[in-house]
Amino acid sequence: MQSNFMAAGAVEECQPSKRIAFLTVPLSGHRRLAVSLAGEMATRGFPVDLLVGEQGVTDEMRSLAAERPNFVVHAITRGTEMISQMDFQRVASSTGRLGGSKYTLFQCIDDVSHDLEGMVEHWREMIEVLSVSRPDVVVLDHAHKVMQQWAEEQGIPTVILHTPYFQTGSPTGCARINPADGRRLDEFLQVSNPFMRLDKAKEMLGIAGQDINLGEGEEGAGAAHGLAPHTLVFCEPELLNTAHLPPRVHAVGPCLSDRDPVTVDAHLLPWLDAAAACGQKVLYVAFGTLANGFLTATAVGTLLDAFNGLGEGWRILWSLPQAQQPLLADSGRNLDGDRVRVEPFVRQRAVLAHPAVRVFLTHGGQSSVNEGIAAGRPLVCLPLFCDQYEMAESVRRHGLGLVFHKDELLEGGDRRLGCLISRVEDEQRFREKAGRHGWLMRIRGGCRRAAEVIESIAYAGAEFQELWEGKEEEAEGQAQQEKCSDSAVVVAPEVKVEAAAPAPARTLRQQPAAMVMSSSCLTLVALRTVPGG
């Protein structure tokens, strides 16, 4: 059996159909979305190319390539993958909440963007693959701005996987950047703007187009015309703070994979079942896969103090990478192995669905928040950087949980953390809200909405949402009207009209076909003041 796992540059011939290319990065939260959606498009019969740096290739990708002849993985081996070089532990350890984390993030982007030749070589290999496969739509991570502009220059529509929370309106709570941090960030970008290097990379690759920026949320949404990209926002619309999204922006739900295990790890299930049988509540704790390096022995000690303070009615399951587990001993706390269980990895969605689990303490990453809500679990968010503050604020604002901050943790706020955990469990409103939102996620589950956007673009063009405007048809009708006006006489059923004579009042039935305009179209143009999503 021929493998569908290829070195970059090798593209199979396949049946005539619309072809979809996915470009992703080796970060688990970003990659998961691309793989879930790529698998959905392959299931729908589309030939799919998935491009990712070789260090980002996973067993799930290999399995999909082995199972589906129309799914091809291209491991990009040349050059430097910029995102994988970034020090996210440093970003997660930043001070200053949202503003401080963004400042540190841009510092890290600046550090890795100095390897201009390596980045250009990486993108050049991607361009070589796409130049052979000639996809009809390119779906890419929001970090792939250079490749987005290349695709548009080639006349290929693009879709951005907008993994951070999509901010609309004026930010509130911890989603606000304080003025001092905002000024500091502006000053840094004036002196060391990494996007100028990306523009230089474009020049080296022969790509024209506008200057690169990483505009976020509503402020970063461009005008909807021509090949302007579509954007997929991976949360339910009810988690946003507006009922209306900008044009070409689509809230498509979390796109949770149907390939995720639905059963708890065999070695862990008896422990959870025993908790349920004893009437004990389980707090599940996980801070993602990217930035557990923010933890110190002091921070771990504060967490353990908070867990111990919950009382005998609670058990704690902590998904903590092996690299950070020595901090448990370094904290100087005695660990009650019966009540506090530490695992390097668990099947998170299956654990959250277990009836013993009552609260989820999370870093507020978009995937984790979505998985917690889908299971109907109230949340306590401990955001570490960037969009996690926006997700945490959305959780608080919608009554799905509460927020505990990193600086509170580092200052020894174990009592406050314990209080927040108890509150989201004891106050019925949190569980009730999480349950309602969870039902919406499960009812609308899967990747259908996102896949329909991509399929619509593939067959109806990037402008499919603007077809209601009827611009082309209106222009054609005007041209026909002008052509008819060149004749001396226009003849229509029941009416003879001299071109030079004043036109008498007529019924709609009597109007010449070329002169009848759709009143509904005119009404839409006049009344459409709020852009559709």
Protein backbone atom coordinates (compact mmCIF):
# COMPACT_ATOMS: atom_id res chain seq x y z
CA MET A 1 0.00 0.00 0.00
CA GLN A 2 1.44 3.36 -1.01
CA SER A 3 2.00 5.78 1.83
CA ASN A 4 0.39 9.23 1.77
CA PHE A 5 3.10 10.62 4.00
CA MET A 6 5.44 12.55 1.75
CA ALA A 7 8.53 14.62 1.87
CA ALA A 8 7.70 18.16 0.81
CA GLY A 9 7.65 18.63 -2.93
CA ALA A 10 6.05 15.29 -3.80
CA VAL A 11 2.39 15.73 -4.77
CA GLU A 12 0.19 12.89 -5.99
CA GLU A 13 -2.11 13.22 -8.95
CA CYS A 14 -5.67 12.77 -7.76
CA GLN A 15 -9.19 12.82 -9.04
CA PRO A 16 -10.50 16.09 -10.50
CA SER A 17 -11.99 18.00 -7.59
CA LYS A 18 -11.46 21.10 -5.54
CA ARG A 19 -8.21 20.73 -3.62
CA ILE A 20 -7.68 22.17 -0.13
CA ALA A 21 -4.29 22.92 1.44
CA PHE A 22 -3.74 23.39 5.18
CA LEU A 23 -0.66 25.14 6.59
CA THR A 24 -0.15 24.77 10.33
CA VAL A 25 2.50 25.22 13.02
CA PRO A 26 3.94 22.76 15.58
CA LEU A 27 1.96 24.14 18.55
CA SER A 28 -0.58 21.63 19.81
CA GLY A 29 -3.51 24.03 20.23
CA HIS A 30 -3.05 25.47 16.75
CA ARG A 31 -2.22 22.16 15.09
CA ARG A 32 -5.22 20.36 16.59
CA LEU A 33 -7.65 22.66 14.82
CA ALA A 34 -5.92 22.30 11.46
CA VAL A 35 -5.80 18.50 11.70
CA SER A 36 -9.45 18.20 12.80
CA LEU A 37 -10.64 20.37 9.93
CA ALA A 38 -8.30 18.80 7.37
CA GLY A 39 -9.63 15.38 8.36
CA GLU A 40 -13.20 16.62 7.94
CA MET A 41 -12.48 17.93 4.44
CA ALA A 42 -10.85 14.62 3.49
CA THR A 43 -13.93 12.79 4.80
CA ARG A 44 -16.03 14.96 2.49
CA GLY A 45 -13.98 13.71 -0.45
CA PHE A 46 -11.70 16.68 -1.01
CA PRO A 47 -8.05 16.07 -1.85
CA VAL A 48 -6.19 17.56 1.12
CA ASP A 49 -2.56 18.61 1.52
CA LEU A 50 -1.36 19.28 5.08
CA LEU A 51 1.92 21.21 5.33
CA VAL A 52 3.77 21.42 8.65
CA GLY A 53 7.37 21.61 9.84
CA GLU A 54 8.79 18.12 10.31
CA GLN A 55 8.94 18.53 14.11
CA GLY A 56 5.18 19.09 14.11
CA VAL A 57 4.22 15.81 12.42
CA THR A 58 2.10 13.66 14.78
CA ASP A 59 0.88 10.08 14.93
CA GLU A 60 -2.64 11.32 14.21
CA MET A 61 -1.44 12.86 10.95
CA ARG A 62 0.30 9.62 10.01
CA SER A 63 -2.86 7.64 10.77
CA LEU A 64 -5.02 9.93 8.65
CA ALA A 65 -2.55 9.67 5.77
CA ALA A 66 -2.58 5.87 6.04
CA GLU A 67 -6.37 5.66 6.19
CA ARG A 68 -7.32 8.16 3.48
CA PRO A 69 -5.79 8.16 0.00
CA ASN A 70 -6.87 11.79 -0.48
CA PHE A 71 -5.03 13.04 2.63
CA VAL A 72 -1.34 13.86 2.14
CA VAL A 73 1.06 15.15 4.79
CA HIS A 74 4.01 17.24 3.60
CA ALA A 75 6.80 17.49 6.19
CA ILE A 76 8.66 20.74 5.61
CA THR A 77 12.32 20.03 6.31
CA ARG A 78 14.21 23.09 5.10
CA GLY A 79 14.90 26.33 6.91
CA THR A 80 13.55 27.52 10.24
CA GLU A 81 9.98 27.30 11.52
CA MET A 82 9.66 30.61 13.36
CA ILE A 83 6.91 29.77 15.86
CA SER A 84 8.62 26.60 17.09
CA GLN A 85 11.70 28.65 18.02
CA MET A 86 9.82 30.97 20.37
CA ASP A 87 10.34 30.84 24.13
CA PHE A 88 6.77 30.53 25.39
CA GLN A 89 8.00 29.71 28.89
CA ARG A 90 9.42 33.23 29.01
CA VAL A 91 6.12 34.68 27.77
CA ALA A 92 4.16 32.69 30.36
CA SER A 93 6.48 33.90 33.12
CA SER A 94 6.01 37.58 32.21
CA THR A 95 4.59 40.10 34.64
CA GLY A 96 1.93 42.71 33.97
CA ARG A 97 -0.95 40.41 32.98
CA LEU A 98 -2.20 40.89 29.39
CA GLY A 99 -0.10 43.94 28.52
CA GLY A 100 3.08 42.52 30.01
CA SER A 101 2.61 39.20 28.22
CA LYS A 102 2.08 40.89 24.85
CA TYR A 103 5.19 42.99 25.35
CA THR A 104 7.22 39.86 26.10
CA LEU A 105 5.63 38.00 23.19
CA PHE A 106 6.73 40.68 20.73
CA GLN A 107 10.20 40.60 22.23
CA CYS A 108 10.33 36.86 21.53
CA ILE A 109 9.02 37.36 17.98
CA ASP A 110 11.76 39.93 17.48
CA ASP A 111 14.38 37.48 18.74
CA VAL A 112 13.43 34.64 16.39
CA SER A 113 12.77 36.84 13.35
CA HIS A 114 16.49 37.64 13.04
CA ASP A 115 17.00 34.31 11.23
CA LEU A 116 15.58 35.78 8.05
CA GLU A 117 17.27 33.39 5.64
CA GLY A 118 16.06 30.36 7.61
CA MET A 119 12.46 31.57 7.61
CA VAL A 120 12.59 32.39 3.89
CA GLU A 121 13.91 28.92 3.07
CA HIS A 122 11.10 27.33 5.11
CA TRP A 123 8.44 29.34 3.29
CA ARG A 124 10.13 28.73 -0.06
CA GLU A 125 9.71 24.98 0.42
CA MET A 126 6.02 25.49 1.22
CA ILE A 127 5.66 27.58 -1.94
CA GLU A 128 7.25 24.79 -3.98
CA VAL A 129 4.70 22.28 -2.66
CA LEU A 130 1.74 24.57 -3.29
CA SER A 131 3.01 25.52 -6.74
CA VAL A 132 2.78 21.86 -7.73
CA SER A 133 -0.47 20.94 -5.95
CA ARG A 134 -2.29 24.16 -7.00
CA PRO A 135 -4.97 24.13 -4.29
CA ASP A 136 -8.28 25.89 -4.77
CA VAL A 137 -8.30 27.15 -1.18
CA VAL A 138 -5.43 27.63 1.29
CA VAL A 139 -6.34 27.33 4.98
CA LEU A 140 -3.58 28.59 7.25
CA ASP A 141 -2.62 29.52 10.77
CA HIS A 142 -2.88 33.21 11.62
CA ALA A 143 0.93 33.25 11.99
CA HIS A 144 1.37 32.42 8.28
CA LYS A 145 0.87 35.98 7.02
CA VAL A 146 3.65 35.68 4.43
CA MET A 147 2.10 32.55 2.93
CA GLN A 148 -1.35 34.14 3.01
CA GLN A 149 -0.14 37.01 0.85
CA TRP A 150 1.62 34.61 -1.52
CA ALA A 151 -1.61 32.64 -2.01
CA GLU A 152 -3.67 35.76 -2.67
CA GLU A 153 -1.07 36.95 -5.18
CA GLN A 154 -1.54 33.61 -6.96
CA GLY A 155 -5.30 34.16 -7.06
CA ILE A 156 -5.99 31.50 -4.40
CA PRO A 157 -8.61 32.30 -1.70
CA THR A 158 -7.41 31.95 1.89
CA VAL A 159 -8.98 31.10 5.24
CA ILE A 160 -7.29 32.09 8.50
CA LEU A 161 -7.50 29.77 11.49
CA HIS A 162 -7.88 32.44 14.17
CA THR A 163 -7.04 30.39 17.26
CA PRO A 164 -6.86 33.27 19.76
CA TYR A 165 -10.12 34.59 21.14
CA PHE A 166 -11.76 37.01 18.70
CA GLN A 167 -12.10 40.31 20.54
CA THR A 168 -15.07 42.49 19.63
CA GLY A 169 -16.07 45.83 21.08
CA SER A 170 -14.32 47.46 24.01
CA PRO A 171 -12.40 44.96 26.17
CA THR A 172 -13.41 44.57 29.79
CA GLY A 173 -11.86 43.12 32.92
CA CYS A 174 -8.54 41.34 32.48
CA ALA A 175 -8.87 41.59 28.68
CA ARG A 176 -7.87 45.27 28.98
CA ILE A 177 -4.27 46.42 28.58
CA ASN A 178 -3.33 49.09 31.08
CA PRO A 179 -2.11 52.36 29.50
CA ALA A 180 1.47 52.02 30.78
CA ASP A 181 1.90 48.59 29.17
CA GLY A 182 0.28 49.87 25.99
CA ARG A 183 2.76 52.74 25.75
CA ARG A 184 5.68 50.42 26.44
CA LEU A 185 4.56 48.07 23.66
CA ASP A 186 4.12 50.94 21.19
CA GLU A 187 7.60 52.25 21.99
CA PHE A 188 9.12 48.81 21.49
CA LEU A 189 7.46 48.34 18.10
CA GLN A 190 8.72 51.73 16.95
CA VAL A 191 12.30 50.70 17.70
CA SER A 192 12.29 46.96 16.99
CA ASN A 193 9.41 46.03 14.72
CA PRO A 194 9.74 42.34 13.73
CA PHE A 195 7.11 42.77 11.02
CA MET A 196 9.56 44.86 9.02
CA ARG A 197 11.70 41.73 8.74
CA LEU A 198 8.70 39.77 7.52
CA ASP A 199 8.20 42.39 4.82
CA LYS A 200 11.85 41.88 3.88
CA ALA A 201 11.18 38.13 3.70
CA LYS A 202 8.31 38.81 1.31
CA GLU A 203 10.64 40.82 -0.87
CA MET A 204 13.16 37.95 -0.92
CA LEU A 205 10.38 35.57 -1.98
CA GLY A 206 9.12 37.94 -4.67
CA ILE A 207 5.78 38.53 -2.93
CA ALA A 208 4.08 41.89 -3.32
CA GLY A 209 1.09 43.08 -1.30
CA GLN A 210 0.47 45.22 1.75
CA ASP A 211 2.68 45.44 4.81
CA ILE A 212 2.35 42.60 7.30
CA ASN A 213 0.73 43.03 10.70
CA LEU A 214 -0.92 40.70 13.17
CA GLY A 215 -4.10 42.64 13.78
CA GLU A 216 -6.36 40.79 16.21
CA GLY A 217 -10.08 40.51 16.54
CA GLU A 218 -12.52 43.02 15.14
CA GLU A 219 -9.82 45.69 14.75
CA GLY A 220 -7.76 43.38 12.54
CA ALA A 221 -10.62 42.35 10.26
CA GLY A 222 -10.11 43.78 6.79
CA ALA A 223 -12.58 44.87 4.14
CA ALA A 224 -14.60 42.12 2.47
CA HIS A 225 -13.76 42.27 -1.21
CA GLY A 226 -11.92 40.26 -3.82
CA LEU A 227 -9.57 37.71 -2.29
CA ALA A 228 -9.60 39.24 1.19
CA PRO A 229 -9.36 36.28 3.60
CA HIS A 230 -12.10 34.63 5.57
CA THR A 231 -11.47 34.03 9.28
CA LEU A 232 -12.65 31.10 11.39
CA VAL A 233 -13.18 31.78 15.10
CA PHE A 234 -13.16 28.55 17.08
CA CYS A 235 -15.74 29.21 19.74
CA GLU A 236 -19.50 29.39 19.89
CA PRO A 237 -20.97 32.79 19.02
CA GLU A 238 -22.51 32.97 22.50
CA LEU A 239 -18.99 33.28 23.98
CA LEU A 240 -18.36 36.53 22.11
CA ASN A 241 -19.62 39.91 23.31
CA THR A 242 -21.49 40.82 20.14
CA ALA A 243 -24.29 39.35 18.08
CA HIS A 244 -22.71 40.49 14.81
CA LEU A 245 -19.27 39.64 13.47
CA PRO A 246 -17.46 41.57 10.72
CA PRO A 247 -17.86 40.37 7.12
CA ARG A 248 -16.02 37.14 6.32
CA VAL A 249 -15.59 36.26 9.99
CA HIS A 250 -17.30 33.04 11.09
CA ALA A 251 -17.81 31.66 14.61
CA VAL A 252 -17.69 27.94 13.85
CA GLY A 253 -17.48 26.29 17.26
CA PRO A 254 -14.50 24.46 18.75
CA CYS A 255 -14.16 21.83 15.98
CA LEU A 256 -13.38 19.12 18.52
CA SER A 257 -12.12 16.01 16.79
CA ASP A 258 -14.30 12.91 16.67
CA ARG A 259 -11.06 10.92 16.83
CA ASP A 260 -10.35 11.93 20.44
CA PRO A 261 -10.58 9.02 22.92
CA VAL A 262 -13.93 8.90 24.70
CA THR A 263 -12.81 6.66 27.56
CA VAL A 264 -10.65 7.58 30.53
CA ASP A 265 -7.15 6.07 30.70
CA ALA A 266 -7.53 2.53 32.03
CA HIS A 267 -5.13 3.05 34.95
CA LEU A 268 -6.95 6.22 36.02
CA LEU A 269 -10.58 5.14 35.72
CA PRO A 270 -10.76 3.17 39.02
CA TRP A 271 -9.52 6.22 40.93
CA LEU A 272 -12.20 8.46 39.41
CA ASP A 273 -14.89 5.81 39.89
CA ALA A 274 -13.90 5.45 43.54
CA ALA A 275 -14.23 9.20 44.04
CA ALA A 276 -17.72 9.14 42.55
CA ALA A 277 -18.71 6.14 44.68
CA CYS A 278 -17.57 7.94 47.85
CA GLY A 279 -19.37 11.14 46.92
CA GLN A 280 -16.09 13.02 46.58
CA LYS A 281 -15.70 15.91 44.15
CA VAL A 282 -12.75 15.96 41.76
CA LEU A 283 -10.93 19.15 40.77
CA TYR A 284 -9.16 18.63 37.46
CA VAL A 285 -6.05 20.82 36.99
CA ALA A 286 -4.17 21.40 33.73
CA PHE A 287 -2.23 24.39 32.44
CA GLY A 288 -1.77 23.26 28.85
CA THR A 289 1.21 21.80 27.03
CA LEU A 290 3.04 24.99 26.12
CA ALA A 291 4.00 26.96 29.19
CA ASN A 292 4.13 24.95 32.43
CA GLY A 293 7.63 26.37 32.80
CA PHE A 294 6.09 29.40 34.55
CA LEU A 295 5.72 27.21 37.63
CA THR A 296 8.19 27.58 40.49
CA ALA A 297 8.51 25.63 43.73
CA THR A 298 6.80 28.54 45.51
CA ALA A 299 3.91 28.60 43.02
CA VAL A 300 3.46 24.83 43.29
CA GLY A 301 3.44 25.15 47.08
CA THR A 302 0.66 27.73 46.88
CA LEU A 303 -1.38 25.46 44.61
CA LEU A 304 -0.96 22.49 46.96
CA ASP A 305 -1.97 24.63 49.94
CA ALA A 306 -5.13 25.67 48.08
CA PHE A 307 -5.92 22.04 47.23
CA ASN A 308 -5.41 20.89 50.82
CA GLY A 309 -7.65 23.70 52.02
CA LEU A 310 -10.60 22.37 50.03
CA GLY A 311 -11.13 19.62 52.63
CA GLU A 312 -11.67 15.88 52.65
CA GLY A 313 -14.62 16.05 50.30
CA TRP A 314 -12.33 16.81 47.37
CA ARG A 315 -9.80 14.92 45.28
CA ILE A 316 -7.41 16.62 42.87
CA LEU A 317 -6.24 15.25 39.52
CA TRP A 318 -3.33 17.30 38.18
CA SER A 319 -2.04 16.82 34.64
CA LEU A 320 1.55 18.03 35.11
CA PRO A 321 4.38 17.36 32.63
CA GLN A 322 7.22 15.19 33.88
CA ALA A 323 9.66 18.10 33.59
CA GLN A 324 7.80 20.08 36.28
CA GLN A 325 7.04 17.21 38.68
CA PRO A 326 10.27 17.67 40.73
CA LEU A 327 8.75 20.98 41.87
CA LEU A 328 6.29 18.99 43.97
CA ALA A 329 9.08 17.83 46.26
CA ASP A 330 10.88 21.17 46.03
CA SER A 331 7.77 22.93 47.35
CA GLY A 332 8.33 21.41 50.79
CA ARG A 333 4.69 20.27 51.04
CA ASN A 334 3.63 16.76 51.98
CA LEU A 335 1.66 15.25 49.11
CA ASP A 336 -1.32 13.10 50.07
CA GLY A 337 -1.19 10.56 47.25
CA ASP A 338 -4.74 9.35 47.92
CA ARG A 339 -6.27 12.80 47.53
CA VAL A 340 -3.88 14.47 45.07
CA ARG A 341 -3.02 12.45 41.99
CA VAL A 342 -0.43 13.76 39.51
CA GLU A 343 -0.24 12.39 35.96
CA PRO A 344 2.08 13.50 33.14
CA PHE A 345 -0.75 13.16 30.62
CA VAL A 346 -4.44 12.28 30.62
CA ARG A 347 -7.17 12.05 28.01
CA GLN A 348 -8.55 15.44 28.89
CA ARG A 349 -11.95 15.34 27.18
CA ALA A 350 -12.69 11.92 28.65
CA VAL A 351 -11.62 13.02 32.14
CA LEU A 352 -13.77 16.16 31.98
CA ALA A 353 -16.78 14.07 30.99
CA HIS A 354 -16.45 11.79 34.03
CA PRO A 355 -19.25 12.51 36.54
CA ALA A 356 -16.82 12.78 39.47
CA VAL A 357 -15.12 15.83 37.94
CA ARG A 358 -16.86 18.99 39.14
CA VAL A 359 -14.48 21.93 38.44
CA PHE A 360 -11.70 22.58 35.91
CA LEU A 361 -8.71 24.77 36.93
CA THR A 362 -7.21 25.81 33.60
CA HIS A 363 -4.81 28.30 32.03
CA GLY A 364 -7.66 29.49 29.81
CA GLY A 365 -6.35 28.30 26.47
CA GLN A 366 -9.08 28.25 23.86
CA SER A 367 -9.05 24.48 23.35
CA SER A 368 -9.13 23.76 27.09
CA VAL A 369 -11.93 26.25 27.75
CA ASN A 370 -13.98 24.79 24.91
CA GLU A 371 -13.43 21.24 26.18
CA GLY A 372 -14.42 22.23 29.70
CA ILE A 373 -17.60 23.96 28.55
CA ALA A 374 -18.49 21.10 26.21
CA ALA A 375 -18.41 18.82 29.26
CA GLY A 376 -20.58 21.28 31.20
CA ARG A 377 -17.91 21.96 33.82
CA PRO A 378 -17.55 25.32 35.63
CA LEU A 379 -14.08 26.84 35.24
CA VAL A 380 -11.50 28.67 37.28
CA CYS A 381 -9.10 30.33 34.84
CA LEU A 382 -5.47 31.15 35.65
CA PRO A 383 -4.41 32.94 32.44
CA LEU A 384 -0.71 33.02 31.59
CA PHE A 385 -0.46 35.17 28.47
CA CYS A 386 -2.17 36.94 25.57
CA ASP A 387 -5.50 35.50 24.38
CA GLN A 388 -5.86 33.47 27.59
CA TYR A 389 -6.76 36.71 29.39
CA GLU A 390 -9.46 37.37 26.80
CA MET A 391 -10.83 33.84 27.15
CA ALA A 392 -10.77 34.13 30.95
CA GLU A 393 -12.70 37.40 30.79
CA SER A 394 -15.27 35.80 28.50
CA VAL A 395 -15.69 32.95 30.98
CA ARG A 396 -16.21 35.43 33.83
CA ARG A 397 -18.53 37.70 31.86
CA HIS A 398 -20.77 34.83 30.78
CA GLY A 399 -21.04 33.33 34.25
CA LEU A 400 -19.13 30.17 33.35
CA GLY A 401 -16.52 30.56 36.06
CA LEU A 402 -14.10 32.87 37.85
CA VAL A 403 -10.55 34.17 37.33
CA PHE A 404 -7.46 33.79 39.53
CA HIS A 405 -4.36 35.63 38.37
CA LYS A 406 -0.75 34.54 38.12
CA ASP A 407 0.46 37.41 40.29
CA GLU A 408 -2.01 36.31 42.99
CA LEU A 409 -0.53 32.82 42.79
CA LEU A 410 3.03 34.11 43.09
CA GLU A 411 2.01 36.25 46.07
CA GLY A 412 0.75 33.19 47.94
CA GLY A 413 -3.00 33.59 47.40
CA ASP A 414 -3.93 29.99 48.27
CA ARG A 415 -6.98 30.99 50.32
CA ARG A 416 -8.43 33.09 47.53
CA LEU A 417 -7.88 30.29 45.00
CA GLY A 418 -9.55 27.77 47.28
CA CYS A 419 -12.47 30.16 47.76
CA LEU A 420 -12.93 30.57 44.00
CA ILE A 421 -12.89 26.80 43.43
CA SER A 422 -15.49 26.28 46.16
CA ARG A 423 -17.67 29.09 44.82
CA VAL A 424 -17.96 27.78 41.27
CA GLU A 425 -18.91 24.39 42.68
CA ASP A 426 -21.28 25.59 45.40
CA GLU A 427 -23.13 28.31 43.48
CA GLN A 428 -25.66 26.66 41.19
CA ARG A 429 -25.52 29.50 38.65
CA PHE A 430 -22.07 28.49 37.41
CA ARG A 431 -23.02 24.86 36.81
CA GLU A 432 -26.32 25.89 35.23
CA LYS A 433 -24.63 28.28 32.78
CA ALA A 434 -21.90 25.78 31.93
CA GLY A 435 -24.56 23.15 31.32
CA ARG A 436 -26.53 25.35 28.92
CA HIS A 437 -23.45 26.35 26.94
CA GLY A 438 -22.32 22.73 26.94
CA TRP A 439 -25.58 21.64 25.34
CA LEU A 440 -25.12 24.19 22.55
CA MET A 441 -21.61 22.91 21.86
CA ARG A 442 -22.72 19.28 21.76
CA ILE A 443 -25.78 19.98 19.61
CA ARG A 444 -23.63 21.83 17.06
CA GLY A 445 -20.61 19.57 17.51
CA GLY A 446 -17.99 18.65 14.95
CA CYS A 447 -16.44 20.62 12.12
CA ARG A 448 -19.52 21.02 9.91
CA ARG A 449 -19.78 24.82 10.12
CA ALA A 450 -16.10 25.40 9.40
CA ALA A 451 -16.11 22.85 6.57
CA GLU A 452 -19.13 24.52 4.96
CA VAL A 453 -17.30 27.85 4.86
CA ILE A 454 -14.31 26.27 3.11
CA GLU A 455 -16.52 24.32 0.72
CA SER A 456 -18.51 27.45 -0.11
CA ILE A 457 -15.30 29.30 -0.96
CA ALA A 458 -14.03 26.40 -3.06
CA TYR A 459 -17.14 26.27 -5.23
CA ALA A 460 -18.63 29.78 -5.04
CA GLY A 461 -15.52 31.90 -4.52
CA ALA A 462 -14.19 34.09 -1.73
CA GLU A 463 -17.05 36.52 -2.39
CA PHE A 464 -19.81 33.97 -1.69
CA GLN A 465 -21.16 36.01 1.23
CA GLU A 466 -21.39 39.11 -0.94
CA LEU A 467 -23.49 37.46 -3.67
CA TRP A 468 -26.59 39.01 -2.10
CA GLU A 469 -25.36 42.41 -3.29
CA GLY A 470 -25.97 41.51 -6.91
CA LYS A 471 -23.29 43.89 -8.18
CA GLU A 472 -22.43 41.94 -11.31
CA GLU A 473 -26.07 41.34 -12.21
CA GLU A 474 -26.90 45.01 -11.65
CA ALA A 475 -24.06 46.10 -13.94
CA GLU A 476 -25.19 43.64 -16.60
CA GLY A 477 -28.75 44.93 -16.39
CA GLN A 478 -27.53 48.51 -16.73
CA ALA A 479 -25.51 47.56 -19.82
CA GLN A 480 -28.55 45.93 -21.39
CA GLN A 481 -30.66 49.00 -20.61
CA GLU A 482 -28.11 51.29 -22.27
CA LYS A 483 -27.99 49.00 -25.29
CA CYS A 484 -31.77 49.16 -25.63
CA SER A 485 -31.78 52.96 -25.34
CA ASP A 486 -29.73 53.15 -28.55
CA SER A 487 -32.75 51.86 -30.50
CA ALA A 488 -35.48 54.19 -31.76
CA VAL A 489 -38.29 52.01 -30.41
CA VAL A 490 -38.51 49.60 -27.47
CA VAL A 491 -41.26 47.00 -27.84
CA ALA A 492 -42.71 45.07 -24.92
CA PRO A 493 -45.92 43.09 -24.53
CA GLU A 494 -49.04 45.30 -24.43
CA VAL A 495 -47.00 48.55 -24.62
CA LYS A 496 -45.31 50.49 -27.42
CA VAL A 497 -43.01 53.24 -26.17
CA GLU A 498 -41.31 55.82 -28.38
CA ALA A 499 -37.77 56.42 -27.18
CA ALA A 500 -38.12 60.20 -27.30
CA ALA A 501 -41.58 60.38 -25.73
CA PRO A 502 -42.15 60.86 -21.99
CA ALA A 503 -42.73 57.51 -20.34
CA PRO A 504 -46.33 57.10 -19.10
CA ALA A 505 -47.10 55.52 -15.75
CA ARG A 506 -47.06 51.72 -16.03
CA THR A 507 -47.81 48.74 -13.88
CA LEU A 508 -44.96 46.42 -12.99
CA ARG A 509 -46.45 43.86 -15.40
CA GLN A 510 -46.07 46.33 -18.27
CA GLN A 511 -42.40 47.16 -17.61
CA PRO A 512 -39.92 46.07 -20.30
CA ALA A 513 -37.88 43.17 -19.00
CA ALA A 514 -34.58 45.06 -19.25
CA MET A 515 -35.92 47.88 -17.07
CA VAL A 516 -37.42 45.84 -14.20
CA MET A 517 -35.20 45.96 -11.08
CA SER A 518 -35.62 43.84 -8.00
CA SER A 519 -37.14 45.92 -5.23
CA SER A 520 -35.95 43.32 -2.71
CA CYS A 521 -32.34 43.83 -3.81
CA LEU A 522 -32.68 47.59 -3.42
CA THR A 523 -34.22 47.12 0.01
CA LEU A 524 -31.32 44.93 1.12
CA VAL A 525 -28.80 47.51 -0.05
CA ALA A 526 -30.66 50.29 1.76
CA LEU A 527 -31.21 48.44 5.03
CA ARG A 528 -28.00 46.44 5.37
CA THR A 529 -26.27 48.53 8.00
CA VAL A 530 -24.92 45.69 10.14
CA PRO A 531 -22.39 43.41 8.40
CA GLY A 532 -23.21 39.73 8.42
CA GLY A 533 -20.85 37.07 9.79
